[in-house]
Amino acid sequence: MTRRLLSYAFPFMDGLNPLAEAPNTAAGDATLHMDEETFRGFYTRTAGMLWAYLARATNDPAAADDLLQEAYYRLLRTTVAFETDDHRKNYLFRIATNLIRDRFRRPRIDNAQLPEFGEGDIAATGDLAQQTQQRSDLARAMSQLSQRERELVWLAYGQGSSHREIAGALGLKTGSIKPLLFRARRKLARILAS
């Protein structure tokens, strides 16, 4: 059962040799608190928003893919008993947040950034050009925020999470979210205005 759950979240596992002698998974299955259908439903409901959060926080879609896999793997391997689906989701986002922090603690050589383009590189006119310019401006402004500020802004406005959900995902007190969000918004507005 562990192999089937993990293969749903990690499709590359389907290519493993099924005839190879598998380790004893009876002990591993005892730690799982979800059956296959529960995991499929949870994954379907949360994978998109978690990937978007990871991609925005890391500014790297490839890293978001890796961290998404690792977050679900760690969630499946945890021994924590979850009271509700929201508790499980908050725990998943906390795992993802810790993975992001770990990633930035240990800089990687493979994180080569492409050079940024200058101000006047988008010469087209119309709504598409304006939207592209606004997205580019916002991406540059977001990259100037601290990691915590990016996480707060994205969870609040990109994902529409409540203050309680943000607090659970980031490991902060619920009462501290409002002032932290206010400061992050004010800083973002100042960066965009300059």
N, C-alpha and C. Protein backbone atom coordinates (compact mmCIF):
# COMPACT_ATOMS: atom_id res chain seq x y z
N MET A 1 0.81 -1.20 0.00
CA MET A 1 0.00 0.00 0.00
C MET A 1 0.86 1.26 0.00
N THR A 2 1.94 1.28 0.75
CA THR A 2 2.83 2.44 0.77
C THR A 2 3.32 2.75 -0.63
N ARG A 3 3.70 1.72 -1.37
CA ARG A 3 4.22 1.90 -2.72
C ARG A 3 3.17 2.52 -3.62
N ARG A 4 1.90 2.11 -3.48
CA ARG A 4 0.84 2.67 -4.33
C ARG A 4 0.59 4.14 -3.99
N LEU A 5 0.55 4.47 -2.70
CA LEU A 5 0.34 5.86 -2.30
C LEU A 5 1.47 6.75 -2.80
N LEU A 6 2.68 6.28 -2.60
CA LEU A 6 3.82 7.08 -3.02
C LEU A 6 3.89 7.18 -4.54
N SER A 7 3.48 6.13 -5.26
CA SER A 7 3.54 6.20 -6.72
C SER A 7 2.51 7.18 -7.28
N TYR A 8 1.43 7.43 -6.55
CA TYR A 8 0.46 8.43 -7.00
C TYR A 8 1.07 9.83 -6.92
N ALA A 9 1.75 10.11 -5.83
CA ALA A 9 2.36 11.42 -5.66
C ALA A 9 3.66 11.54 -6.44
N PHE A 10 4.32 10.41 -6.66
CA PHE A 10 5.62 10.42 -7.32
C PHE A 10 5.59 9.45 -8.49
N PRO A 11 5.15 9.91 -9.66
CA PRO A 11 4.94 9.01 -10.80
C PRO A 11 6.21 8.27 -11.24
N PHE A 12 7.38 8.81 -10.98
CA PHE A 12 8.60 8.13 -11.40
C PHE A 12 8.75 6.76 -10.74
N MET A 13 8.04 6.53 -9.65
CA MET A 13 8.15 5.25 -8.96
C MET A 13 7.52 4.12 -9.75
N ASP A 14 6.63 4.45 -10.73
CA ASP A 14 6.01 3.41 -11.55
C ASP A 14 7.06 2.67 -12.37
N GLY A 15 8.17 3.35 -12.67
CA GLY A 15 9.21 2.74 -13.49
C GLY A 15 10.12 1.80 -12.72
N LEU A 16 9.95 1.72 -11.43
CA LEU A 16 10.80 0.82 -10.64
C LEU A 16 10.46 -0.62 -10.95
N ASN A 17 11.41 -1.48 -10.79
CA ASN A 17 11.24 -2.88 -11.12
C ASN A 17 10.25 -3.54 -10.15
N PRO A 18 9.08 -3.94 -10.64
CA PRO A 18 8.09 -4.54 -9.74
C PRO A 18 8.48 -5.94 -9.28
N LEU A 19 9.41 -6.59 -10.00
CA LEU A 19 9.82 -7.94 -9.62
C LEU A 19 10.94 -7.94 -8.59
N ALA A 20 11.52 -6.76 -8.38
CA ALA A 20 12.59 -6.68 -7.39
C ALA A 20 12.01 -6.95 -6.01
N GLU A 21 12.83 -7.54 -5.16
CA GLU A 21 12.35 -7.88 -3.83
C GLU A 21 12.08 -6.60 -3.05
N ALA A 22 10.86 -6.43 -2.64
CA ALA A 22 10.46 -5.22 -1.92
C ALA A 22 10.78 -5.38 -0.45
N PRO A 23 11.16 -4.29 0.21
CA PRO A 23 11.39 -4.37 1.65
C PRO A 23 10.07 -4.60 2.36
N ASN A 24 10.16 -5.02 3.59
CA ASN A 24 8.97 -5.28 4.38
C ASN A 24 8.23 -3.97 4.61
N THR A 25 7.05 -3.80 3.98
CA THR A 25 6.30 -2.55 4.09
C THR A 25 5.24 -2.60 5.17
N ALA A 26 5.12 -3.70 5.87
CA ALA A 26 4.09 -3.79 6.90
C ALA A 26 4.33 -2.76 7.99
N ALA A 27 5.58 -2.56 8.37
CA ALA A 27 5.89 -1.56 9.39
C ALA A 27 5.69 -0.17 8.84
N GLY A 28 6.02 0.04 7.56
CA GLY A 28 5.85 1.35 6.94
C GLY A 28 4.39 1.73 6.81
N ASP A 29 3.51 0.76 6.51
CA ASP A 29 2.09 1.06 6.35
C ASP A 29 1.45 1.45 7.68
N ALA A 30 2.02 1.00 8.78
CA ALA A 30 1.44 1.30 10.07
C ALA A 30 1.53 2.80 10.38
N THR A 31 2.51 3.49 9.80
CA THR A 31 2.66 4.91 10.07
C THR A 31 1.75 5.76 9.21
N LEU A 32 1.17 5.22 8.16
CA LEU A 32 0.30 6.00 7.29
C LEU A 32 -1.06 6.17 7.95
N HIS A 33 -1.55 7.40 7.93
CA HIS A 33 -2.84 7.70 8.53
C HIS A 33 -3.91 7.93 7.47
N MET A 34 -3.57 7.65 6.22
CA MET A 34 -4.52 7.85 5.12
C MET A 34 -4.53 6.61 4.25
N ASP A 35 -5.70 6.25 3.79
CA ASP A 35 -5.74 5.20 2.79
C ASP A 35 -5.55 5.85 1.42
N GLU A 36 -5.48 5.04 0.39
CA GLU A 36 -5.16 5.54 -0.94
C GLU A 36 -6.18 6.56 -1.45
N GLU A 37 -7.46 6.29 -1.26
CA GLU A 37 -8.49 7.21 -1.75
C GLU A 37 -8.47 8.54 -1.01
N THR A 38 -8.24 8.49 0.29
CA THR A 38 -8.15 9.72 1.07
C THR A 38 -6.98 10.55 0.60
N PHE A 39 -5.84 9.89 0.35
CA PHE A 39 -4.67 10.62 -0.14
C PHE A 39 -4.93 11.22 -1.51
N ARG A 40 -5.53 10.46 -2.41
CA ARG A 40 -5.83 10.98 -3.75
C ARG A 40 -6.68 12.24 -3.67
N GLY A 41 -7.72 12.20 -2.87
CA GLY A 41 -8.59 13.36 -2.71
C GLY A 41 -7.85 14.55 -2.11
N PHE A 42 -7.07 14.29 -1.07
CA PHE A 42 -6.31 15.36 -0.43
C PHE A 42 -5.29 15.95 -1.39
N TYR A 43 -4.60 15.09 -2.12
CA TYR A 43 -3.60 15.55 -3.08
C TYR A 43 -4.26 16.40 -4.17
N THR A 44 -5.39 15.96 -4.68
CA THR A 44 -6.10 16.69 -5.73
C THR A 44 -6.52 18.07 -5.23
N ARG A 45 -6.98 18.17 -3.99
CA ARG A 45 -7.43 19.45 -3.44
C ARG A 45 -6.29 20.39 -3.11
N THR A 46 -5.13 19.88 -2.76
CA THR A 46 -4.07 20.75 -2.22
C THR A 46 -2.85 20.91 -3.11
N ALA A 47 -2.63 20.04 -4.07
CA ALA A 47 -1.38 20.08 -4.83
C ALA A 47 -1.22 21.37 -5.62
N GLY A 48 -2.28 21.85 -6.24
CA GLY A 48 -2.18 23.08 -7.04
C GLY A 48 -1.81 24.29 -6.20
N MET A 49 -2.50 24.45 -5.08
CA MET A 49 -2.21 25.61 -4.24
C MET A 49 -0.84 25.49 -3.58
N LEU A 50 -0.44 24.28 -3.21
CA LEU A 50 0.87 24.11 -2.60
C LEU A 50 1.97 24.38 -3.61
N TRP A 51 1.79 23.89 -4.85
CA TRP A 51 2.81 24.14 -5.88
C TRP A 51 2.91 25.64 -6.16
N ALA A 52 1.78 26.33 -6.24
CA ALA A 52 1.81 27.77 -6.50
C ALA A 52 2.54 28.51 -5.37
N TYR A 53 2.28 28.10 -4.14
CA TYR A 53 2.97 28.70 -2.99
C TYR A 53 4.47 28.46 -3.08
N LEU A 54 4.86 27.23 -3.37
CA LEU A 54 6.28 26.90 -3.47
C LEU A 54 6.95 27.64 -4.62
N ALA A 55 6.28 27.71 -5.76
CA ALA A 55 6.85 28.38 -6.93
C ALA A 55 7.03 29.87 -6.64
N ARG A 56 6.05 30.48 -5.99
CA ARG A 56 6.15 31.91 -5.69
C ARG A 56 7.22 32.17 -4.63
N ALA A 57 7.31 31.31 -3.65
CA ALA A 57 8.26 31.53 -2.57
C ALA A 57 9.70 31.29 -3.01
N THR A 58 9.91 30.37 -3.94
CA THR A 58 11.27 30.07 -4.39
C THR A 58 11.66 30.78 -5.68
N ASN A 59 10.67 31.29 -6.41
CA ASN A 59 10.91 31.88 -7.74
C ASN A 59 11.56 30.89 -8.69
N ASP A 60 11.25 29.61 -8.52
CA ASP A 60 11.85 28.56 -9.35
C ASP A 60 10.87 27.40 -9.49
N PRO A 61 10.22 27.25 -10.66
CA PRO A 61 9.24 26.17 -10.84
C PRO A 61 9.84 24.77 -10.67
N ALA A 62 11.07 24.58 -11.10
CA ALA A 62 11.70 23.26 -10.95
C ALA A 62 11.90 22.93 -9.47
N ALA A 63 12.33 23.91 -8.71
CA ALA A 63 12.51 23.69 -7.27
C ALA A 63 11.15 23.45 -6.61
N ALA A 64 10.12 24.13 -7.10
CA ALA A 64 8.77 23.92 -6.56
C ALA A 64 8.33 22.48 -6.78
N ASP A 65 8.64 21.92 -7.94
CA ASP A 65 8.30 20.51 -8.21
C ASP A 65 8.99 19.59 -7.20
N ASP A 66 10.28 19.82 -6.99
CA ASP A 66 11.03 18.99 -6.05
C ASP A 66 10.51 19.13 -4.62
N LEU A 67 10.25 20.35 -4.21
CA LEU A 67 9.78 20.59 -2.85
C LEU A 67 8.37 20.05 -2.65
N LEU A 68 7.54 20.10 -3.69
CA LEU A 68 6.19 19.54 -3.62
C LEU A 68 6.26 18.05 -3.34
N GLN A 69 7.12 17.37 -4.08
CA GLN A 69 7.30 15.93 -3.87
C GLN A 69 7.76 15.62 -2.45
N GLU A 70 8.75 16.37 -2.02
CA GLU A 70 9.31 16.13 -0.69
C GLU A 70 8.29 16.42 0.41
N ALA A 71 7.48 17.46 0.22
CA ALA A 71 6.48 17.81 1.23
C ALA A 71 5.44 16.70 1.38
N TYR A 72 4.95 16.17 0.26
CA TYR A 72 3.96 15.08 0.36
C TYR A 72 4.60 13.81 0.90
N TYR A 73 5.83 13.57 0.54
CA TYR A 73 6.53 12.39 1.07
C TYR A 73 6.62 12.49 2.60
N ARG A 74 7.04 13.65 3.08
CA ARG A 74 7.17 13.83 4.53
C ARG A 74 5.81 13.77 5.22
N LEU A 75 4.78 14.28 4.58
CA LEU A 75 3.44 14.20 5.15
C LEU A 75 3.00 12.75 5.28
N LEU A 76 3.27 11.95 4.25
CA LEU A 76 2.88 10.55 4.29
C LEU A 76 3.66 9.77 5.35
N ARG A 77 4.87 10.15 5.60
CA ARG A 77 5.71 9.42 6.54
C ARG A 77 5.55 9.90 7.98
N THR A 78 4.81 10.96 8.23
CA THR A 78 4.68 11.49 9.58
C THR A 78 3.83 10.57 10.45
N THR A 79 4.05 10.67 11.73
CA THR A 79 3.27 9.86 12.68
C THR A 79 2.21 10.70 13.39
N VAL A 80 2.05 11.94 12.97
CA VAL A 80 1.07 12.84 13.58
C VAL A 80 -0.34 12.39 13.19
N ALA A 81 -1.23 12.36 14.15
CA ALA A 81 -2.65 12.06 13.87
C ALA A 81 -3.37 13.38 13.66
N PHE A 82 -4.04 13.52 12.54
CA PHE A 82 -4.69 14.78 12.20
C PHE A 82 -6.15 14.74 12.60
N GLU A 83 -6.60 15.82 13.22
CA GLU A 83 -7.99 15.92 13.67
C GLU A 83 -8.93 16.18 12.49
N THR A 84 -8.51 17.08 11.60
CA THR A 84 -9.35 17.45 10.46
C THR A 84 -8.49 17.55 9.21
N ASP A 85 -9.18 17.70 8.08
CA ASP A 85 -8.47 17.89 6.82
C ASP A 85 -7.74 19.24 6.81
N ASP A 86 -8.31 20.25 7.46
CA ASP A 86 -7.64 21.56 7.55
C ASP A 86 -6.35 21.45 8.35
N HIS A 87 -6.38 20.65 9.42
CA HIS A 87 -5.18 20.44 10.22
C HIS A 87 -4.09 19.78 9.36
N ARG A 88 -4.49 18.80 8.56
CA ARG A 88 -3.55 18.11 7.66
C ARG A 88 -2.98 19.10 6.64
N LYS A 89 -3.84 19.97 6.08
CA LYS A 89 -3.39 20.96 5.09
C LYS A 89 -2.42 21.95 5.72
N ASN A 90 -2.73 22.44 6.93
CA ASN A 90 -1.83 23.36 7.62
C ASN A 90 -0.48 22.71 7.90
N TYR A 91 -0.53 21.45 8.29
CA TYR A 91 0.71 20.72 8.55
C TYR A 91 1.53 20.57 7.27
N LEU A 92 0.86 20.30 6.15
CA LEU A 92 1.53 20.19 4.86
C LEU A 92 2.20 21.51 4.49
N PHE A 93 1.51 22.63 4.68
CA PHE A 93 2.10 23.93 4.38
C PHE A 93 3.25 24.25 5.33
N ARG A 94 3.17 23.79 6.57
CA ARG A 94 4.29 23.99 7.49
C ARG A 94 5.50 23.19 7.03
N ILE A 95 5.28 21.97 6.58
CA ILE A 95 6.38 21.16 6.03
C ILE A 95 6.99 21.89 4.85
N ALA A 96 6.14 22.39 3.95
CA ALA A 96 6.63 23.10 2.75
C ALA A 96 7.42 24.35 3.15
N THR A 97 6.94 25.09 4.13
CA THR A 97 7.64 26.29 4.58
C THR A 97 9.01 25.92 5.15
N ASN A 98 9.09 24.86 5.92
CA ASN A 98 10.38 24.43 6.46
C ASN A 98 11.32 23.97 5.35
N LEU A 99 10.77 23.31 4.33
CA LEU A 99 11.60 22.90 3.19
C LEU A 99 12.16 24.11 2.45
N ILE A 100 11.34 25.14 2.30
CA ILE A 100 11.80 26.38 1.64
C ILE A 100 12.92 27.00 2.46
N ARG A 101 12.72 27.06 3.77
CA ARG A 101 13.76 27.65 4.63
C ARG A 101 15.05 26.84 4.56
N ASP A 102 14.93 25.52 4.56
CA ASP A 102 16.12 24.68 4.45
C ASP A 102 16.82 24.91 3.12
N ARG A 103 16.05 25.08 2.08
CA ARG A 103 16.63 25.30 0.75
C ARG A 103 17.43 26.59 0.71
N PHE A 104 16.92 27.64 1.35
CA PHE A 104 17.63 28.91 1.33
C PHE A 104 18.77 28.96 2.34
N ARG A 105 18.75 28.08 3.32
CA ARG A 105 19.88 28.01 4.25
C ARG A 105 21.10 27.42 3.57
N ARG A 106 20.85 26.45 2.71
CA ARG A 106 21.94 25.79 2.01
C ARG A 106 21.87 26.17 0.53
N PRO A 107 22.60 27.20 0.12
CA PRO A 107 22.54 27.61 -1.29
C PRO A 107 23.04 26.49 -2.19
N ARG A 108 22.39 26.37 -3.34
CA ARG A 108 22.74 25.33 -4.29
C ARG A 108 23.44 25.92 -5.51
N ILE A 109 24.31 25.14 -6.07
CA ILE A 109 25.04 25.56 -7.26
C ILE A 109 24.12 25.60 -8.47
N ASP A 110 23.11 24.72 -8.50
CA ASP A 110 22.25 24.61 -9.68
C ASP A 110 21.19 25.71 -9.76
N ASN A 111 21.24 26.71 -8.89
CA ASN A 111 20.26 27.78 -8.91
C ASN A 111 20.74 28.96 -9.74
N ALA A 112 21.19 28.71 -10.95
CA ALA A 112 21.65 29.78 -11.82
C ALA A 112 20.46 30.59 -12.30
N GLN A 113 20.53 31.90 -12.13
CA GLN A 113 19.44 32.79 -12.53
C GLN A 113 19.73 33.37 -13.91
N LEU A 114 18.68 33.49 -14.71
CA LEU A 114 18.80 34.14 -16.01
C LEU A 114 18.90 35.64 -15.79
N PRO A 115 19.59 36.35 -16.67
CA PRO A 115 19.70 37.80 -16.49
C PRO A 115 18.35 38.48 -16.65
N GLU A 116 18.13 39.52 -15.87
CA GLU A 116 16.89 40.29 -15.94
C GLU A 116 16.96 41.24 -17.13
N PHE A 117 15.80 41.52 -17.70
CA PHE A 117 15.73 42.48 -18.79
C PHE A 117 15.52 43.87 -18.21
N GLY A 118 15.85 44.87 -19.01
CA GLY A 118 15.73 46.26 -18.58
C GLY A 118 14.29 46.76 -18.62
N GLU A 119 14.12 48.02 -18.26
CA GLU A 119 12.80 48.64 -18.16
C GLU A 119 12.05 48.66 -19.49
N GLY A 120 12.71 49.02 -20.58
CA GLY A 120 12.00 49.24 -21.84
C GLY A 120 12.00 48.06 -22.78
N ASP A 121 12.15 46.86 -22.27
CA ASP A 121 12.24 45.69 -23.15
C ASP A 121 10.90 45.28 -23.75
N ILE A 122 9.81 45.65 -23.12
CA ILE A 122 8.50 45.28 -23.65
C ILE A 122 7.98 46.47 -24.45
N ALA A 123 8.04 46.36 -25.77
CA ALA A 123 7.68 47.47 -26.63
C ALA A 123 6.28 47.36 -27.20
N ALA A 124 5.62 46.23 -27.00
CA ALA A 124 4.29 46.02 -27.58
C ALA A 124 3.26 46.89 -26.85
N THR A 125 2.14 47.13 -27.54
CA THR A 125 1.07 47.91 -26.92
C THR A 125 -0.13 47.02 -26.69
N GLY A 126 -1.08 47.52 -25.92
CA GLY A 126 -2.30 46.76 -25.68
C GLY A 126 -2.33 46.17 -24.29
N ASP A 127 -3.43 45.50 -24.00
CA ASP A 127 -3.65 44.92 -22.67
C ASP A 127 -2.63 43.85 -22.32
N LEU A 128 -2.28 43.02 -23.30
CA LEU A 128 -1.34 41.93 -23.03
C LEU A 128 0.02 42.49 -22.61
N ALA A 129 0.47 43.51 -23.29
CA ALA A 129 1.76 44.12 -22.94
C ALA A 129 1.70 44.75 -21.56
N GLN A 130 0.60 45.40 -21.25
CA GLN A 130 0.46 46.04 -19.94
C GLN A 130 0.39 44.99 -18.83
N GLN A 131 -0.34 43.92 -19.07
CA GLN A 131 -0.44 42.85 -18.08
C GLN A 131 0.91 42.19 -17.86
N THR A 132 1.63 41.98 -18.95
CA THR A 132 2.96 41.37 -18.84
C THR A 132 3.90 42.28 -18.06
N GLN A 133 3.84 43.57 -18.33
CA GLN A 133 4.69 44.53 -17.62
C GLN A 133 4.32 44.57 -16.13
N GLN A 134 3.03 44.53 -15.83
CA GLN A 134 2.60 44.54 -14.43
C GLN A 134 3.06 43.28 -13.71
N ARG A 135 2.93 42.12 -14.39
CA ARG A 135 3.40 40.87 -13.79
C ARG A 135 4.89 40.91 -13.53
N SER A 136 5.62 41.44 -14.49
CA SER A 136 7.07 41.55 -14.35
C SER A 136 7.43 42.49 -13.20
N ASP A 137 6.74 43.63 -13.12
CA ASP A 137 7.00 44.57 -12.03
C ASP A 137 6.70 43.94 -10.68
N LEU A 138 5.58 43.21 -10.61
CA LEU A 138 5.20 42.56 -9.36
C LEU A 138 6.22 41.48 -8.98
N ALA A 139 6.68 40.71 -9.96
CA ALA A 139 7.68 39.67 -9.68
C ALA A 139 8.97 40.29 -9.16
N ARG A 140 9.39 41.38 -9.77
CA ARG A 140 10.61 42.05 -9.29
C ARG A 140 10.40 42.60 -7.88
N ALA A 141 9.23 43.19 -7.63
CA ALA A 141 8.95 43.74 -6.30
C ALA A 141 8.88 42.63 -5.26
N MET A 142 8.25 41.52 -5.61
CA MET A 142 8.16 40.39 -4.67
C MET A 142 9.54 39.85 -4.35
N SER A 143 10.43 39.85 -5.34
CA SER A 143 11.78 39.32 -5.09
C SER A 143 12.57 40.21 -4.14
N GLN A 144 12.14 41.47 -3.98
CA GLN A 144 12.82 42.38 -3.06
C GLN A 144 12.30 42.26 -1.62
N LEU A 145 11.19 41.56 -1.46
CA LEU A 145 10.67 41.31 -0.11
C LEU A 145 11.48 40.20 0.55
N SER A 146 11.43 40.15 1.86
CA SER A 146 12.10 39.05 2.56
C SER A 146 11.31 37.77 2.32
N GLN A 147 11.91 36.66 2.64
CA GLN A 147 11.26 35.35 2.46
C GLN A 147 9.93 35.30 3.21
N ARG A 148 9.92 35.72 4.46
CA ARG A 148 8.70 35.68 5.27
C ARG A 148 7.63 36.59 4.67
N GLU A 149 8.02 37.78 4.22
CA GLU A 149 7.05 38.71 3.62
C GLU A 149 6.45 38.13 2.35
N ARG A 150 7.27 37.49 1.53
CA ARG A 150 6.76 36.84 0.30
C ARG A 150 5.76 35.75 0.67
N GLU A 151 6.10 34.95 1.65
CA GLU A 151 5.21 33.87 2.07
C GLU A 151 3.88 34.43 2.58
N LEU A 152 3.94 35.46 3.40
CA LEU A 152 2.73 36.07 3.93
C LEU A 152 1.84 36.62 2.82
N VAL A 153 2.44 37.41 1.93
CA VAL A 153 1.66 38.04 0.85
C VAL A 153 1.07 36.98 -0.06
N TRP A 154 1.86 35.97 -0.40
CA TRP A 154 1.33 34.95 -1.31
C TRP A 154 0.21 34.14 -0.67
N LEU A 155 0.40 33.71 0.56
CA LEU A 155 -0.64 32.93 1.21
C LEU A 155 -1.93 33.74 1.39
N ALA A 156 -1.79 35.02 1.74
CA ALA A 156 -2.97 35.85 1.99
C ALA A 156 -3.69 36.22 0.69
N TYR A 157 -2.95 36.67 -0.31
CA TYR A 157 -3.59 37.23 -1.50
C TYR A 157 -3.52 36.30 -2.71
N GLY A 158 -2.50 35.48 -2.79
CA GLY A 158 -2.41 34.52 -3.90
C GLY A 158 -3.27 33.29 -3.66
N GLN A 159 -3.31 32.83 -2.41
CA GLN A 159 -4.06 31.63 -2.07
C GLN A 159 -5.38 31.93 -1.36
N GLY A 160 -5.53 33.15 -0.85
CA GLY A 160 -6.75 33.50 -0.14
C GLY A 160 -6.87 32.82 1.22
N SER A 161 -5.76 32.52 1.84
CA SER A 161 -5.77 31.84 3.14
C SER A 161 -6.18 32.83 4.24
N SER A 162 -6.83 32.29 5.27
CA SER A 162 -7.20 33.11 6.42
C SER A 162 -5.97 33.33 7.29
N HIS A 163 -6.08 34.27 8.22
CA HIS A 163 -4.96 34.54 9.13
C HIS A 163 -4.61 33.29 9.94
N ARG A 164 -5.62 32.54 10.35
CA ARG A 164 -5.39 31.32 11.13
C ARG A 164 -4.62 30.29 10.28
N GLU A 165 -5.01 30.15 9.01
CA GLU A 165 -4.33 29.20 8.13
C GLU A 165 -2.89 29.63 7.87
N ILE A 166 -2.68 30.92 7.67
CA ILE A 166 -1.32 31.43 7.45
C ILE A 166 -0.47 31.18 8.69
N ALA A 167 -1.03 31.46 9.85
CA ALA A 167 -0.30 31.24 11.10
C ALA A 167 0.09 29.77 11.24
N GLY A 168 -0.84 28.88 10.93
CA GLY A 168 -0.54 27.45 11.02
C GLY A 168 0.53 27.02 10.03
N ALA A 169 0.47 27.55 8.81
CA ALA A 169 1.43 27.16 7.78
C ALA A 169 2.82 27.69 8.07
N LEU A 170 2.91 28.90 8.62
CA LEU A 170 4.22 29.52 8.83
C LEU A 170 4.75 29.35 10.25
N GLY A 171 3.94 28.77 11.12
CA GLY A 171 4.39 28.57 12.50
C GLY A 171 4.43 29.85 13.31
N LEU A 172 3.50 30.77 13.03
CA LEU A 172 3.44 32.03 13.74
C LEU A 172 2.15 32.09 14.57
N LYS A 173 2.05 33.09 15.44
CA LYS A 173 0.82 33.29 16.20
C LYS A 173 -0.19 34.00 15.31
N THR A 174 -1.45 33.66 15.45
CA THR A 174 -2.50 34.23 14.63
C THR A 174 -2.56 35.75 14.78
N GLY A 175 -2.37 36.25 15.98
CA GLY A 175 -2.42 37.69 16.23
C GLY A 175 -1.31 38.47 15.56
N SER A 176 -0.22 37.81 15.20
CA SER A 176 0.90 38.53 14.58
C SER A 176 0.76 38.63 13.06
N ILE A 177 -0.18 37.92 12.48
CA ILE A 177 -0.31 37.90 11.02
C ILE A 177 -0.77 39.25 10.48
N LYS A 178 -1.75 39.88 11.13
CA LYS A 178 -2.29 41.15 10.61
C LYS A 178 -1.21 42.24 10.54
N PRO A 179 -0.45 42.51 11.60
CA PRO A 179 0.59 43.54 11.49
C PRO A 179 1.71 43.16 10.52
N LEU A 180 2.06 41.89 10.48
CA LEU A 180 3.10 41.46 9.53
C LEU A 180 2.64 41.65 8.09
N LEU A 181 1.38 41.31 7.81
CA LEU A 181 0.83 41.51 6.47
C LEU A 181 0.75 43.00 6.13
N PHE A 182 0.37 43.82 7.10
CA PHE A 182 0.30 45.26 6.87
C PHE A 182 1.66 45.80 6.46
N ARG A 183 2.70 45.41 7.20
CA ARG A 183 4.06 45.88 6.89
C ARG A 183 4.53 45.37 5.52
N ALA A 184 4.22 44.12 5.23
CA ALA A 184 4.63 43.55 3.94
C ALA A 184 3.92 44.25 2.78
N ARG A 185 2.63 44.54 2.94
CA ARG A 185 1.88 45.26 1.90
C ARG A 185 2.43 46.66 1.70
N ARG A 186 2.71 47.34 2.81
CA ARG A 186 3.23 48.69 2.73
C ARG A 186 4.60 48.71 2.05
N LYS A 187 5.44 47.75 2.37
CA LYS A 187 6.76 47.65 1.74
C LYS A 187 6.61 47.36 0.25
N LEU A 188 5.70 46.45 -0.10
CA LEU A 188 5.46 46.10 -1.51
C LEU A 188 4.96 47.32 -2.28
N ALA A 189 4.05 48.09 -1.69
CA ALA A 189 3.52 49.30 -2.35
C ALA A 189 4.63 50.32 -2.54
N ARG A 190 5.51 50.47 -1.55
CA ARG A 190 6.62 51.42 -1.65
C ARG A 190 7.57 51.00 -2.78
N ILE A 191 7.85 49.70 -2.89
CA ILE A 191 8.74 49.19 -3.95
C ILE A 191 8.10 49.41 -5.32
N LEU A 192 6.81 49.13 -5.43
CA LEU A 192 6.12 49.30 -6.70
C LEU A 192 6.02 50.77 -7.11
N ALA A 193 5.92 51.66 -6.13
CA ALA A 193 5.81 53.09 -6.44
C ALA A 193 7.14 53.68 -6.90
N SER A 194 8.23 53.09 -6.47
CA SER A 194 9.55 53.65 -6.85
C SER A 194 10.01 53.21 -8.21
